[in-house]
Protein backbone atom coordinates (compact mmCIF):
# COMPACT_ATOMS: atom_id res chain seq x y z
CA MET A 1 7.75 -3.53 5.31
CA SER A 2 6.73 -1.24 8.50
CA ASP A 3 3.72 0.24 8.78
CA TRP A 4 3.91 3.45 8.62
CA MET A 5 5.97 2.76 4.68
CA GLN A 6 2.55 0.12 3.91
CA ALA A 7 -0.12 3.45 5.47
CA LEU A 8 1.88 5.74 3.09
CA SER A 9 1.32 3.38 0.27
CA ASP A 10 -1.96 2.95 1.29
CA ILE A 11 -2.47 6.37 0.88
CA ILE A 12 -0.76 6.87 -2.52
CA TRP A 13 -3.02 3.94 -4.05
CA LEU A 14 -5.84 5.78 -2.52
CA SER A 15 -4.83 9.48 -4.29
CA GLN A 16 -3.78 7.52 -7.39
CA LEU A 17 -7.25 6.32 -7.60
CA GLY A 18 -9.20 9.08 -7.55
CA LEU A 19 -6.93 10.77 -10.26
CA SER A 20 -7.69 8.45 -12.00
CA VAL A 21 -11.11 8.08 -11.53
CA LEU A 22 -11.72 12.05 -11.19
CA LEU A 23 -10.22 13.50 -14.11
CA PRO A 24 -11.39 11.93 -16.93
CA PRO A 25 -15.43 13.66 -16.18
CA VAL A 26 -13.69 16.72 -15.51
CA LEU A 27 -11.04 16.70 -18.95
CA CYS A 28 -14.05 16.01 -20.59
CA LEU A 29 -15.98 18.47 -19.35
CA TRP A 30 -13.51 20.59 -19.82
CA LEU A 31 -12.65 19.99 -23.45
CA ALA A 32 -17.56 19.66 -23.85
CA SER A 33 -17.22 23.64 -23.36
CA TRP A 34 -14.31 24.50 -24.87
CA LEU A 35 -15.69 22.85 -28.34
CA THR A 36 -19.02 25.03 -27.51
CA THR A 37 -16.86 28.07 -26.27
CA ALA A 38 -14.67 27.98 -29.21
CA LYS A 39 -15.65 26.35 -32.13
CA GLY A 40 -19.40 26.49 -32.11
CA VAL A 41 -20.12 23.46 -30.96
CA GLY A 42 -24.18 22.62 -29.42
CA GLY A 43 -24.29 22.40 -26.23
CA TRP A 44 -25.90 18.27 -26.86
CA VAL A 45 -22.01 17.72 -26.88
CA TYR A 46 -21.91 17.61 -22.83
CA VAL A 47 -24.35 14.63 -22.46
CA PRO A 48 -22.45 12.00 -24.99
CA LEU A 49 -18.68 13.33 -23.84
CA LEU A 50 -20.07 13.68 -19.70
CA ALA A 51 -21.22 9.59 -21.02
CA LEU A 52 -18.17 8.82 -21.92
CA GLY A 53 -15.70 10.45 -19.51
CA LEU A 54 -17.58 8.94 -16.42
CA LEU A 55 -17.51 5.26 -18.60
CA ALA A 56 -13.74 5.97 -18.70
CA GLY A 57 -14.01 6.73 -14.79
CA ALA A 58 -15.70 3.56 -14.31
CA GLN A 59 -13.73 1.36 -16.41
CA ASN A 60 -10.30 2.69 -14.17
CA PHE A 61 -12.00 1.83 -11.36
CA ARG A 62 -12.59 -1.21 -12.48
CA LYS A 63 -8.83 -2.15 -13.37
CA PHE A 64 -7.45 -0.50 -10.37
CA PHE A 65 -10.08 -2.43 -7.60
CA ALA A 66 -8.67 -6.27 -9.99
CA LEU A 67 -5.30 -4.86 -9.22
CA MET A 68 -5.72 -4.43 -5.90
CA ARG A 69 -7.45 -7.67 -5.14
CA LYS A 70 -4.38 -9.55 -7.17
CA ARG A 71 -1.82 -7.74 -4.84
CA ALA A 72 -3.96 -9.02 -1.51
CA GLU A 73 -4.67 -12.21 -2.52
CA ARG A 74 -1.16 -13.01 -3.55
CA LYS A 75 -0.16 -11.33 0.47
CA LYS A 76 -2.04 -13.98 1.35
CA ASP A 77 -0.71 -16.70 -1.31
CA ASP A 78 3.54 -15.48 0.18
CA SER A 79 2.60 -15.87 4.29
CA VAL A 80 3.98 -18.43 6.19
CA ASN A 81 1.96 -20.78 8.83
CA PHE A 82 2.33 -23.32 10.51
CA ASN A 83 1.28 -26.05 8.23
CA THR A 84 3.22 -24.57 4.89
CA HIS A 85 6.51 -25.54 4.95
CA ARG A 86 9.45 -23.61 1.74
């Protein structure tokens, strides 16, 4: 793969990581805001929903990091060196 394609691929993965980590807390805060204004739920709902959003973002980051480690190990194993004959 050319260097430009690798750079574009990395940018796409990075933007996906940003969306996967930032969207759950933002959506949970939006849901809490909607619940307090439209349904009359107390302000206490912000705390559990924010915690839920942060946990979901952390879980997404953990899975993304594991996927990237697996891809890096696979790329490292695919390289053919002088003493590696297949």
